[in-house]
Protein backbone atom coordinates (compact mmCIF):
# COMPACT_ATOMS: atom_id res chain seq x y z
CA UNK A 1 -75.65 38.15 31.46
CA UNK A 2 -75.31 36.23 34.71
CA UNK A 3 -74.05 36.57 38.28
CA UNK A 4 -71.92 33.51 37.51
CA UNK A 5 -70.07 35.20 34.65
CA UNK A 6 -66.33 34.97 35.15
CA UNK A 7 -63.77 37.68 34.53
CA UNK A 8 -61.60 36.55 31.60
CA UNK A 9 -58.12 35.40 32.64
CA UNK A 10 -56.61 37.34 29.76
CA UNK A 11 -58.19 40.55 31.09
CA UNK A 12 -56.76 39.94 34.56
CA UNK A 13 -53.29 39.31 33.19
CA UNK A 14 -53.45 42.46 31.08
CA UNK A 15 -54.53 44.51 34.11
CA UNK A 16 -51.68 43.04 36.14
CA UNK A 17 -49.19 43.75 33.37
CA UNK A 18 -50.32 47.36 33.07
CA UNK A 19 -50.34 48.07 36.82
CA UNK A 20 -47.36 46.00 37.97
CA UNK A 21 -45.22 45.74 34.81
CA UNK A 22 -44.77 42.09 35.72
CA UNK A 23 -43.28 40.71 38.92
CA UNK A 24 -39.77 39.24 38.95
CA UNK A 25 -39.41 35.59 39.90
CA UNK A 26 -36.93 35.99 42.73
CA UNK A 27 -38.33 33.97 45.65
CA UNK A 28 -36.90 30.58 46.53
CA UNK A 29 -38.17 28.13 49.16
CA UNK A 30 -36.19 29.75 52.03
CA UNK A 31 -37.47 33.17 50.94
CA UNK A 32 -41.07 31.94 50.97
CA UNK A 33 -40.58 30.37 54.41
CA UNK A 34 -39.20 33.67 55.74
CA UNK A 35 -42.13 35.53 54.15
CA UNK A 36 -44.57 33.13 55.77
CA UNK A 37 -43.05 33.39 59.25
CA UNK A 38 -43.02 37.18 59.02
CA UNK A 39 -46.67 37.23 57.93
CA UNK A 40 -47.98 34.65 60.42
CA UNK A 41 -46.32 35.92 63.60
CA UNK A 42 -48.38 39.02 64.10
CA UNK A 43 -50.77 40.68 66.44
CA UNK A 44 -53.04 37.71 67.06
CA UNK A 45 -50.50 35.91 69.21
CA UNK A 46 -49.93 38.93 71.44
CA UNK A 47 -53.58 39.94 71.76
CA UNK A 48 -56.36 37.36 71.66
CA UNK A 49 -54.43 34.40 73.17
CA UNK A 50 -54.91 35.51 76.78
CA UNK A 51 -58.67 35.95 76.44
CA UNK A 52 -59.04 32.54 74.80
CA UNK A 53 -57.05 30.88 77.59
CA UNK A 54 -58.94 32.60 80.40
CA UNK A 55 -62.42 32.15 78.98
CA UNK A 56 -62.29 28.91 76.95
CA UNK A 57 -59.33 26.53 77.08
CA UNK A 58 -57.10 27.23 80.08
CA UNK A 59 -53.55 25.79 79.71
CA UNK A 60 -54.94 23.56 76.91
CA UNK A 61 -54.74 26.62 74.65
CA UNK A 62 -51.66 24.83 73.27
CA UNK A 63 -53.95 22.13 71.84
CA UNK A 64 -56.17 24.85 70.36
CA UNK A 65 -53.23 26.25 68.41
CA UNK A 66 -52.54 22.79 67.00
CA UNK A 67 -56.16 22.35 65.85
CA UNK A 68 -56.15 25.79 64.21
CA UNK A 69 -52.93 24.91 62.37
CA UNK A 70 -54.58 21.92 60.69
CA UNK A 71 -57.27 24.18 59.22
CA UNK A 72 -54.56 26.52 57.96
CA UNK A 73 -52.58 23.73 56.29
CA UNK A 74 -55.53 22.44 54.25
CA UNK A 75 -56.70 25.93 53.31
CA UNK A 76 -53.15 27.01 52.51
CA UNK A 77 -52.65 24.20 50.01
CA UNK A 78 -55.91 25.18 48.28
CA UNK A 79 -54.89 28.84 48.30
CA UNK A 80 -51.58 27.86 46.64
CA UNK A 81 -53.40 26.30 43.66
CA UNK A 82 -55.69 29.34 43.45
CA UNK A 83 -52.78 31.75 43.15
CA UNK A 84 -50.57 29.63 40.89
CA UNK A 85 -53.40 28.99 38.43
CA UNK A 86 -54.06 32.73 38.16
CA UNK A 87 -50.55 34.21 38.53
CA UNK A 88 -51.75 37.69 39.44
CA UNK A 89 -50.84 39.40 42.69
CA UNK A 90 -54.12 39.93 44.50
CA UNK A 91 -56.63 38.62 46.96
CA UNK A 92 -59.18 35.80 46.94
CA UNK A 93 -61.64 38.34 45.51
CA UNK A 94 -59.64 38.55 42.26
CA UNK A 95 -59.13 34.78 42.03
CA UNK A 96 -62.77 33.94 42.64
CA UNK A 97 -63.92 36.47 40.03
CA UNK A 98 -61.97 34.56 37.41
CA UNK A 99 -63.02 31.10 38.55
CA UNK A 100 -66.44 31.20 40.21
CA UNK A 101 -68.04 34.37 38.88
CA UNK A 102 -69.09 37.81 40.03
CA UNK A 103 -71.53 36.82 42.78
CA UNK A 104 -69.09 34.57 44.64
CA UNK A 105 -66.36 37.20 44.15
CA UNK A 106 -68.66 39.75 45.79
CA UNK A 107 -69.31 37.45 48.77
CA UNK A 108 -65.57 36.80 49.30
CA UNK A 109 -64.68 40.47 48.78
CA UNK A 110 -67.30 41.64 51.29
CA UNK A 111 -66.14 39.01 53.75
CA UNK A 112 -62.49 40.07 53.34
CA UNK A 113 -63.47 43.66 54.16
CA UNK A 114 -64.99 42.38 57.44
CA UNK A 115 -61.82 40.39 58.19
CA UNK A 116 -59.47 43.30 57.59
CA UNK A 117 -61.60 46.03 59.19
CA UNK A 118 -62.42 44.28 62.46
CA UNK A 119 -58.95 42.73 62.49
CA UNK A 120 -57.43 46.21 62.49
CA UNK A 121 -59.84 47.22 65.26
CA UNK A 122 -58.85 44.20 67.38
CA UNK A 123 -55.16 44.98 67.04
CA UNK A 124 -55.68 48.65 67.85
CA UNK A 125 -57.56 47.75 71.05
CA UNK A 126 -54.70 45.48 72.09
CA UNK A 127 -52.21 48.24 71.15
CA UNK A 128 -54.08 50.53 73.55
CA UNK A 129 -53.73 48.10 76.45
CA UNK A 130 -50.01 47.55 75.78
CA UNK A 131 -49.49 51.31 75.55
CA UNK A 132 -51.11 51.69 78.97
CA UNK A 133 -48.82 49.03 80.44
CA UNK A 134 -45.75 50.60 78.83
CA UNK A 135 -46.54 54.13 80.03
CA UNK A 136 -47.53 52.79 83.47
CA UNK A 137 -44.01 51.45 83.98
CA UNK A 138 -42.80 55.07 83.78
CA UNK A 139 -45.41 56.37 86.19
CA UNK A 140 -47.78 57.66 83.48
CA UNK A 141 -51.24 56.30 84.07
CA UNK A 142 -54.00 56.72 81.50
CA UNK A 143 -57.58 57.25 82.67
CA UNK A 144 -59.34 53.93 82.03
CA UNK A 145 -62.52 55.79 81.09
CA UNK A 146 -60.70 56.75 77.89
CA UNK A 147 -58.96 53.44 77.22
CA UNK A 148 -61.96 51.10 77.42
CA UNK A 149 -65.18 50.71 75.47
CA UNK A 150 -68.54 51.51 77.13
CA UNK A 151 -69.20 47.75 77.33
CA UNK A 152 -66.04 47.30 79.43
CA UNK A 153 -66.71 50.09 81.93
CA UNK A 154 -65.16 52.97 80.00
CA UNK A 155 -66.40 55.76 77.74
CA UNK A 156 -64.22 55.54 74.63
CA UNK A 157 -60.92 53.88 73.71
CA UNK A 158 -58.98 56.95 72.55
CA UNK A 159 -55.49 55.35 72.11
CA UNK A 160 -57.04 52.74 69.79
CA UNK A 161 -58.67 55.49 67.75
CA UNK A 162 -55.39 57.41 67.69
CA UNK A 163 -53.31 54.55 66.21
CA UNK A 164 -55.99 53.80 63.57
CA UNK A 165 -56.03 57.45 62.51
CA UNK A 166 -52.24 57.70 62.33
CA UNK A 167 -51.89 54.54 60.22
CA UNK A 168 -54.74 55.66 57.92
CA UNK A 169 -53.13 59.05 57.38
CA UNK A 170 -49.85 57.35 56.50
CA UNK A 171 -51.68 55.24 53.92
CA UNK A 172 -53.36 58.32 52.46
CA UNK A 173 -49.99 59.97 51.94
CA UNK A 174 -48.66 56.92 50.21
CA UNK A 175 -45.85 56.11 52.61
CA UNK A 176 -44.69 52.54 52.09
CA UNK A 177 -42.48 50.39 54.23
CA UNK A 178 -39.23 49.51 52.52
CA UNK A 179 -38.04 45.90 52.47
CA UNK A 180 -35.38 46.88 55.00
CA UNK A 181 -37.80 48.42 57.53
CA UNK A 182 -40.27 45.57 57.02
CA UNK A 183 -37.46 43.08 57.67
CA UNK A 184 -36.57 44.84 60.92
CA UNK A 185 -40.19 44.64 62.11
CA UNK A 186 -40.34 40.93 61.26
CA UNK A 187 -37.08 40.35 63.14
CA UNK A 188 -38.48 42.24 66.14
CA UNK A 189 -41.62 40.11 66.25
CA UNK A 190 -39.71 36.83 66.03
CA UNK A 191 -37.17 38.04 68.61
CA UNK A 192 -39.97 38.98 71.05
CA UNK A 193 -41.41 35.46 70.81
CA UNK A 194 -38.01 33.75 71.24
CA UNK A 195 -36.95 35.97 74.15
CA UNK A 196 -40.32 35.53 75.85
CA UNK A 197 -40.00 31.73 75.60
CA UNK A 198 -36.32 31.64 76.69
CA UNK A 199 -36.71 33.98 79.66
CA UNK A 200 -40.13 32.83 80.75
CA UNK A 201 -39.28 29.11 80.75
CA UNK A 202 -37.25 29.44 83.96
CA UNK A 203 -40.22 31.06 85.77
CA UNK A 204 -42.80 28.38 84.89
CA UNK A 205 -44.75 27.19 87.95
CA UNK A 206 -46.02 23.61 87.37
CA UNK A 207 -49.06 24.21 89.60
CA UNK A 208 -50.41 26.61 86.96
CA UNK A 209 -50.96 23.63 84.64
CA UNK A 210 -53.33 21.92 87.07
CA UNK A 211 -55.82 21.13 85.74
CA UNK A 212 -54.42 21.20 82.22
CA UNK A 213 -57.89 20.94 80.72
CA UNK A 214 -60.25 22.74 83.15
CA UNK A 215 -63.59 21.06 83.68
CA UNK A 216 -66.43 22.44 81.61
CA UNK A 217 -68.51 24.98 83.55
CA UNK A 218 -71.77 23.63 82.16
CA UNK A 219 -71.82 26.21 79.37
CA UNK A 220 -70.88 25.24 75.85
CA UNK A 221 -67.44 26.61 74.93
CA UNK A 222 -66.28 27.31 78.47
CA UNK A 223 -63.45 24.83 79.08
CA UNK A 224 -63.49 21.10 78.50
CA UNK A 225 -63.45 19.79 74.88
CA UNK A 226 -65.86 22.42 73.57
CA UNK A 227 -63.70 25.13 75.12
CA UNK A 228 -60.58 23.85 73.38
CA UNK A 229 -62.27 23.91 69.95
CA UNK A 230 -63.86 27.32 70.56
CA UNK A 231 -60.45 28.64 71.58
CA UNK A 232 -59.00 27.17 68.35
CA UNK A 233 -61.55 29.15 66.36
CA UNK A 234 -60.73 32.31 68.32
CA UNK A 235 -56.90 32.02 68.11
CA UNK A 236 -57.25 31.27 64.40
CA UNK A 237 -56.87 35.04 64.26
CA UNK A 238 -53.20 34.49 65.16
CA UNK A 239 -52.64 32.57 61.90
CA UNK A 240 -54.00 35.31 59.64
CA UNK A 241 -51.36 36.22 57.12
CA UNK A 242 -50.12 32.76 56.09
CA UNK A 243 -51.90 33.16 52.76
CA UNK A 244 -49.29 35.81 51.91
CA UNK A 245 -47.10 32.86 50.92
CA UNK A 246 -49.57 31.56 48.37
CA UNK A 247 -50.27 34.97 46.89
CA UNK A 248 -46.54 35.26 46.10
CA UNK A 249 -46.75 32.43 43.53
CA UNK A 250 -46.11 34.85 40.67
CA UNK A 251 -42.75 35.77 42.22
CA UNK A 252 -41.59 32.22 43.03
CA UNK A 253 -38.83 30.73 40.90
CA UNK A 254 -40.19 27.20 41.13
CA UNK A 255 -43.78 27.45 42.51
CA UNK A 256 -44.61 23.78 41.95
CA UNK A 257 -41.85 22.70 44.37
CA UNK A 258 -41.40 25.79 46.57
CA UNK A 259 -45.03 26.76 47.29
CA UNK A 260 -45.89 23.70 49.45
CA UNK A 261 -42.49 23.98 51.18
CA UNK A 262 -43.06 27.67 51.93
CA UNK A 263 -46.59 27.12 53.24
CA UNK A 264 -46.10 23.94 55.25
CA UNK A 265 -42.68 24.76 56.72
CA UNK A 266 -43.61 28.32 57.76
CA UNK A 267 -46.84 27.01 59.30
CA UNK A 268 -44.95 24.24 61.06
CA UNK A 269 -42.30 26.57 62.53
CA UNK A 270 -44.91 29.10 63.67
CA UNK A 271 -47.12 26.41 65.18
CA UNK A 272 -44.20 25.15 67.29
CA UNK A 273 -43.40 28.70 68.39
CA UNK A 274 -47.08 29.37 69.17
CA UNK A 275 -47.39 26.22 71.30
CA UNK A 276 -44.18 27.01 73.22
CA UNK A 277 -45.31 30.63 73.65
CA UNK A 278 -48.74 29.60 75.02
CA UNK A 279 -47.12 26.92 77.24
CA UNK A 280 -44.83 29.50 78.84
CA UNK A 281 -47.57 32.12 79.11
CA UNK A 282 -49.97 29.83 81.00
CA UNK A 283 -47.11 28.38 83.08
CA UNK A 284 -45.75 31.69 84.33
CA UNK A 285 -49.21 32.97 85.30
CA UNK A 286 -52.40 31.09 86.07
CA UNK A 287 -54.74 31.28 83.08
CA UNK A 288 -57.39 33.03 85.20
CA UNK A 289 -55.12 36.08 85.44
CA UNK A 290 -55.84 36.82 81.77
CA UNK A 291 -59.56 37.42 82.39
CA UNK A 292 -60.96 40.93 82.17
CA UNK A 293 -59.82 44.07 80.42
CA UNK A 294 -56.09 43.20 80.57
CA UNK A 295 -56.54 39.84 78.81
CA UNK A 296 -56.10 41.57 75.46
CA UNK A 297 -52.47 42.26 76.46
CA UNK A 298 -51.37 38.86 77.89
CA UNK A 299 -47.63 39.33 77.34
CA UNK A 300 -47.63 42.36 79.63
CA UNK A 301 -49.25 40.31 82.40
CA UNK A 302 -46.87 37.38 81.94
CA UNK A 303 -43.64 39.40 81.87
CA UNK A 304 -44.61 41.17 85.10
CA UNK A 305 -44.73 37.74 86.78
CA UNK A 306 -41.24 36.71 85.59
CA UNK A 307 -39.37 37.27 88.83
CA UNK A 308 -39.15 36.22 92.49
CA UNK A 309 -41.91 36.65 95.03
CA UNK A 310 -41.18 38.56 98.23
CA UNK A 311 -42.49 37.88 101.74
CA UNK A 312 -45.61 39.89 100.96
CA UNK A 313 -46.29 37.79 97.85
CA UNK A 314 -45.48 40.63 95.47
CA UNK A 315 -43.34 39.63 92.50
CA UNK A 316 -40.29 41.70 91.64
CA UNK A 317 -39.58 41.38 87.90
CA UNK A 318 -36.12 39.92 87.26
CA UNK A 319 -35.60 41.84 84.07
CA UNK A 320 -37.57 45.12 84.28
CA UNK A 321 -35.69 46.59 81.32
CA UNK A 322 -36.54 43.53 79.25
CA UNK A 323 -40.21 43.88 80.05
CA UNK A 324 -40.32 47.40 78.63
CA UNK A 325 -38.18 46.42 75.64
CA UNK A 326 -40.65 43.63 74.76
CA UNK A 327 -43.64 45.97 75.16
CA UNK A 328 -41.99 48.59 72.94
CA UNK A 329 -41.24 45.99 70.25
CA UNK A 330 -44.86 44.79 70.37
CA UNK A 331 -46.16 48.35 70.00
CA UNK A 332 -43.98 48.88 66.92
CA UNK A 333 -44.98 45.54 65.41
CA UNK A 334 -48.67 46.24 66.06
CA UNK A 335 -48.48 49.55 64.18
CA UNK A 336 -47.15 47.68 61.15
CA UNK A 337 -49.93 45.06 61.36
CA UNK A 338 -52.64 47.75 61.58
CA UNK A 339 -51.13 49.48 58.55
CA UNK A 340 -51.13 46.27 56.50
CA UNK A 341 -54.70 45.37 57.47
CA UNK A 342 -56.02 48.85 56.63
CA UNK A 343 -54.17 48.71 53.32
CA UNK A 344 -55.53 45.25 52.47
CA UNK A 345 -59.09 46.29 53.24
CA UNK A 346 -58.85 49.46 51.14
CA UNK A 347 -57.32 47.56 48.20
CA UNK A 348 -60.18 45.03 48.20
CA UNK A 349 -62.74 47.86 48.04
CA UNK A 350 -60.58 49.54 45.40
CA UNK A 351 -60.77 46.42 43.20
CA UNK A 352 -64.52 46.03 43.75
CA UNK A 353 -65.04 49.66 42.83
CA UNK A 354 -62.98 49.27 39.66
CA UNK A 355 -65.32 46.44 38.66
CA UNK A 356 -68.35 48.69 39.22
CA UNK A 357 -69.59 46.74 42.21
CA UNK A 358 -68.99 49.60 44.64
CA UNK A 359 -69.33 53.40 44.16
CA UNK A 360 -66.56 55.04 42.13
CA UNK A 361 -65.43 57.07 45.14
CA UNK A 362 -63.63 53.97 46.45
CA UNK A 363 -61.39 53.74 43.38
CA UNK A 364 -60.68 57.46 43.01
CA UNK A 365 -56.94 58.14 43.27
CA UNK A 366 -55.63 61.25 44.98
CA UNK A 367 -54.04 63.58 42.41
CA UNK A 368 -50.93 64.20 44.52
CA UNK A 369 -50.42 61.11 46.69
CA UNK A 370 -51.69 58.56 44.08
CA UNK A 371 -53.54 56.60 46.75
CA UNK A 372 -57.29 55.79 47.27
CA UNK A 373 -57.37 58.53 49.94
CA UNK A 374 -61.18 58.81 50.16
CA UNK A 375 -61.37 55.03 50.59
CA UNK A 376 -58.82 55.21 53.41
CA UNK A 377 -60.66 58.13 55.03
CA UNK A 378 -64.00 56.31 55.10
CA UNK A 379 -62.54 53.20 56.68
CA UNK A 380 -60.50 55.27 59.10
CA UNK A 381 -63.86 56.43 60.48
CA UNK A 382 -65.48 52.96 60.43
CA UNK A 383 -62.54 51.10 61.99
CA UNK A 384 -62.11 53.90 64.58
CA UNK A 385 -65.73 53.45 65.65
CA UNK A 386 -65.17 49.70 66.09
CA UNK A 387 -61.99 50.32 68.05
CA UNK A 388 -63.55 53.04 70.23
CA UNK A 389 -66.82 51.37 71.24
CA UNK A 390 -66.75 47.58 70.62
CA UNK A 391 -65.22 45.09 73.14
CA UNK A 392 -62.06 43.23 72.10
CA UNK A 393 -63.77 39.81 72.37
CA UNK A 394 -66.44 40.74 69.83
CA UNK A 395 -64.13 42.16 67.15
CA UNK A 396 -61.61 39.35 67.67
CA UNK A 397 -64.24 36.64 67.15
CA UNK A 398 -65.67 38.46 64.12
CA UNK A 399 -62.19 38.51 62.55
CA UNK A 400 -61.79 34.77 63.10
CA UNK A 401 -65.21 33.80 61.74
CA UNK A 402 -64.73 36.05 58.71
CA UNK A 403 -61.34 34.46 57.98
CA UNK A 404 -62.62 30.92 58.46
CA UNK A 405 -65.53 31.65 56.11
CA UNK A 406 -63.14 33.01 53.45
CA UNK A 407 -60.94 29.90 53.71
CA UNK A 408 -63.97 27.63 53.28
CA UNK A 409 -64.88 29.44 50.06
CA UNK A 410 -61.30 29.06 48.82
CA UNK A 411 -61.41 25.29 49.46
CA UNK A 412 -64.78 25.08 47.66
CA UNK A 413 -63.23 27.08 44.82
CA UNK A 414 -60.53 24.44 44.23
CA UNK A 415 -63.17 21.72 43.87
CA UNK A 416 -65.13 23.86 41.40
CA UNK A 417 -62.02 24.76 39.37
CA UNK A 418 -60.96 21.16 39.02
CA UNK A 419 -64.32 20.40 37.40
CA UNK A 420 -65.01 23.63 35.47
CA UNK A 421 -61.48 24.63 34.39
CA UNK A 422 -59.37 21.45 34.23
CA UNK A 423 -57.46 22.68 31.16
CA UNK A 424 -55.98 25.81 32.73
CA UNK A 425 -52.25 25.34 33.55
CA UNK A 426 -51.42 25.18 37.25
CA UNK A 427 -47.91 25.81 38.55
CA UNK A 428 -48.96 24.05 41.75
CA UNK A 429 -51.69 21.45 42.17
CA UNK A 430 -53.27 20.81 45.56
CA UNK A 431 -52.44 17.19 46.47
CA UNK A 432 -55.01 14.53 47.38
CA UNK A 433 -58.04 16.29 45.84
CA UNK A 434 -60.84 16.02 46.85
CA UNK A 435 -59.59 15.00 50.34
CA UNK A 436 -57.54 18.14 51.11
CA UNK A 437 -60.19 20.76 50.14
CA UNK A 438 -62.97 18.76 51.79
CA UNK A 439 -60.84 18.38 54.94
CA UNK A 440 -60.17 22.13 54.85
CA UNK A 441 -63.90 22.84 54.59
CA UNK A 442 -64.68 20.43 57.42
CA UNK A 443 -61.98 21.67 59.86
CA UNK A 444 -62.74 25.37 59.26
CA UNK A 445 -66.50 24.80 59.51
CA UNK A 446 -65.98 22.68 62.64
CA UNK A 447 -64.19 25.57 64.30
CA UNK A 448 -66.85 28.06 63.13
CA UNK A 449 -69.58 25.95 64.71
CA UNK A 450 -67.88 26.25 68.10
CA UNK A 451 -67.80 30.06 67.99
CA UNK A 452 -70.47 31.85 70.06
CA UNK A 453 -73.87 32.21 68.37
CA UNK A 454 -73.81 36.00 68.74
CA UNK A 455 -70.74 35.97 66.46
CA UNK A 456 -72.72 33.99 63.86
CA UNK A 457 -75.52 36.54 64.12
CA UNK A 458 -73.14 39.41 63.41
CA UNK A 459 -71.62 37.55 60.45
CA UNK A 460 -75.05 36.93 58.91
CA UNK A 461 -76.11 40.55 59.45
CA UNK A 462 -72.89 41.72 57.77
CA UNK A 463 -73.38 39.38 54.79
CA UNK A 464 -77.03 40.50 54.42
CA UNK A 465 -75.90 44.13 54.28
CA UNK A 466 -73.52 43.02 51.52
CA UNK A 467 -76.39 41.34 49.67
CA UNK A 468 -78.33 44.60 49.86
CA UNK A 469 -75.46 46.55 48.30
CA UNK A 470 -74.97 43.99 45.54
CA UNK A 471 -78.66 43.69 44.77
CA UNK A 472 -79.41 47.41 44.60
CA UNK A 473 -76.08 48.83 43.45
CA UNK A 474 -73.56 46.25 42.29
CA UNK A 475 -75.84 44.44 39.87
CA UNK A 476 -76.97 47.72 38.27
CA UNK A 477 -73.42 49.01 37.83
CA UNK A 478 -71.47 45.84 37.07
CA UNK A 479 -68.92 46.59 34.36
CA UNK A 480 -68.45 42.96 33.38
CA UNK A 481 -72.20 42.39 32.91
CA UNK A 482 -72.91 45.98 31.84
CA UNK A 483 -75.63 46.16 34.48
CA UNK A 484 -77.79 43.68 32.57
CA UNK A 485 -78.83 40.53 34.39
CA UNK A 486 -81.41 37.87 33.76
CA UNK A 487 -84.43 37.50 36.03
CA UNK A 488 -82.94 34.19 37.17
CA UNK A 489 -79.86 36.02 38.50
CA UNK A 490 -81.99 38.43 40.55
CA UNK A 491 -84.01 35.50 41.91
CA UNK A 492 -80.81 33.66 42.90
CA UNK A 493 -79.46 36.64 44.87
CA UNK A 494 -82.84 37.39 46.51
CA UNK A 495 -83.40 33.70 47.23
CA UNK A 496 -79.95 33.48 48.88
CA UNK A 497 -80.89 36.53 50.96
CA UNK A 498 -84.13 34.85 52.10
CA UNK A 499 -82.08 31.82 53.10
CA UNK A 500 -79.92 34.07 55.27
CA UNK A 501 -83.04 35.63 56.82
CA UNK A 502 -84.19 32.15 57.84
CA UNK A 503 -80.75 31.32 59.27
CA UNK A 504 -80.70 34.59 61.23
CA UNK A 505 -84.11 33.91 62.78
CA UNK A 506 -83.22 30.33 63.77
CA UNK A 507 -79.85 31.26 65.32
CA UNK A 508 -81.38 34.27 67.09
CA UNK A 509 -84.03 32.07 68.74
CA UNK A 510 -81.49 29.41 69.76
CA UNK A 511 -79.22 32.08 71.24
CA UNK A 512 -82.14 33.78 73.02
CA UNK A 513 -83.32 30.53 74.61
CA UNK A 514 -79.97 29.99 76.34
CA UNK A 515 -80.80 30.64 80.04
CA UNK A 516 -77.22 31.81 80.71
CA UNK A 517 -77.36 34.65 78.19
CA UNK A 518 -79.12 38.00 78.41
CA UNK A 519 -79.44 39.14 74.80
CA UNK A 520 -82.74 41.00 74.56
CA UNK A 521 -81.35 43.81 72.44
CA UNK A 522 -79.54 41.49 70.01
CA UNK A 523 -82.58 39.19 69.78
CA UNK A 524 -85.12 41.90 68.97
CA UNK A 525 -82.66 43.63 66.63
CA UNK A 526 -82.20 40.32 64.75
CA UNK A 527 -85.97 39.80 64.43
CA UNK A 528 -86.54 43.37 63.20
CA UNK A 529 -83.61 43.12 60.77
CA UNK A 530 -84.93 39.78 59.47
CA UNK A 531 -88.49 41.15 59.06
CA UNK A 532 -87.34 44.19 57.05
CA UNK A 533 -85.15 42.03 54.82
CA UNK A 534 -87.89 39.49 54.26
CA UNK A 535 -89.92 42.27 52.64
CA UNK A 536 -86.89 43.55 50.67
CA UNK A 537 -85.91 40.16 49.26
CA UNK A 538 -89.51 39.08 48.63
CA UNK A 539 -90.09 42.27 46.64
CA UNK A 540 -86.85 41.76 44.70
CA UNK A 541 -87.74 38.12 44.09
CA UNK A 542 -91.10 38.96 42.52
CA UNK A 543 -90.22 42.10 40.62
CA UNK A 544 -89.71 41.50 36.89
CA UNK A 545 -86.79 43.42 35.46
């Protein structure tokens, strides 16, 4: 028995057949492109873009979107082979279990949970800011003490908690969006982008583009070249969802031809829209206006500036009704995104629980609603805590680094599959291997390197917690391995954990030695966390089972 043992493909197909009764092959290239556009244009564009422009790239945020798109293209082509080789509807967790083994599947699954959970928290925080702007236009002003986290001058972000709870309760009851409703929401999101670009273009002020690339402040990642790349890593959050195209391989009529068309064309269209959107946003308002607590709702700031300035310098919006209509459409679209993220996160834990790697409570199905209600309830609490007390910048960057890490593992997976499983039929083959997967690894890792070091610290801490769970629960209850592992497997997991301890210590010291950063709490927490885990992994490494 080994942590590298793969889940048999025949078993996966049987499970899919039993649970899904097979999926009809109905999607053509245009259908896949539409699916991709609907999945890509989401909350990231309307939330994190303003913060990235004000703190990192300035008007050059348009270049950042282009850099992020390249990482998506390479990873998307690798994802397409992953899903077509194993034609089962599911996440990277399922694919990696069948190709790279249980341990790698655990790592990807745990990382996906981070991506979905903090992603939902980021969107809910932005939803809260847009709600405040929308209600404010009608004279209803929310007390900022209850719409901001303690780190932003508030007490608790109650609107963010509210929307997370509502979407979680809907999931518990089993309410699903119909194709018609989902189509309306997609149409709303695309319309908001197009209207924003069309209306805003006439109010662009050229002086707002000077300088186009603001000079670096002397701190790494704040404007200049390093700022553009850091912003690319941050706005990568806006591209989350493009992998929905590749996971639909089982439903494509001609996946070998249509998958690359669906991925590349949807990414291309959305990249053009993103660049135009960011160009208008930073042209209507100076990028510095997106700094602070309102930066998480940049569209609200920009639409307020679309008008003519009076003698007192105050701007009268030219289309006040349009401003509120856009805000209302964004609020509705956000609710859908939060629902999808919470559902994705719960389904990953559901799959891990079914494989014995997580407690059975996560795969228990409610007798009436036929949903993993307890799973949804737990993450309603966890995501609500993130939304209530953690700043938007932190959760946004954690979502991006988690996604980039998952895409790197997918690219690595293609290289491994080509060598270990060359005989398995593939409806779609990633072109130019090994160039494309290696380029995907390099571009995604390049963007990760430019993210703040405190984000790396949080990622490592999260992954170490995952190692703890796998080492002390997952390995003992693994259904595939029947809880029986060789000593070598335990040493591999514990040794990997010790490697993360070393990485945590090194990054914590580098971050602490930056004279521009005050991180005493994070530094000492990292050292204490590393010390405790050194003992845990050293004990696990030596213990003979």
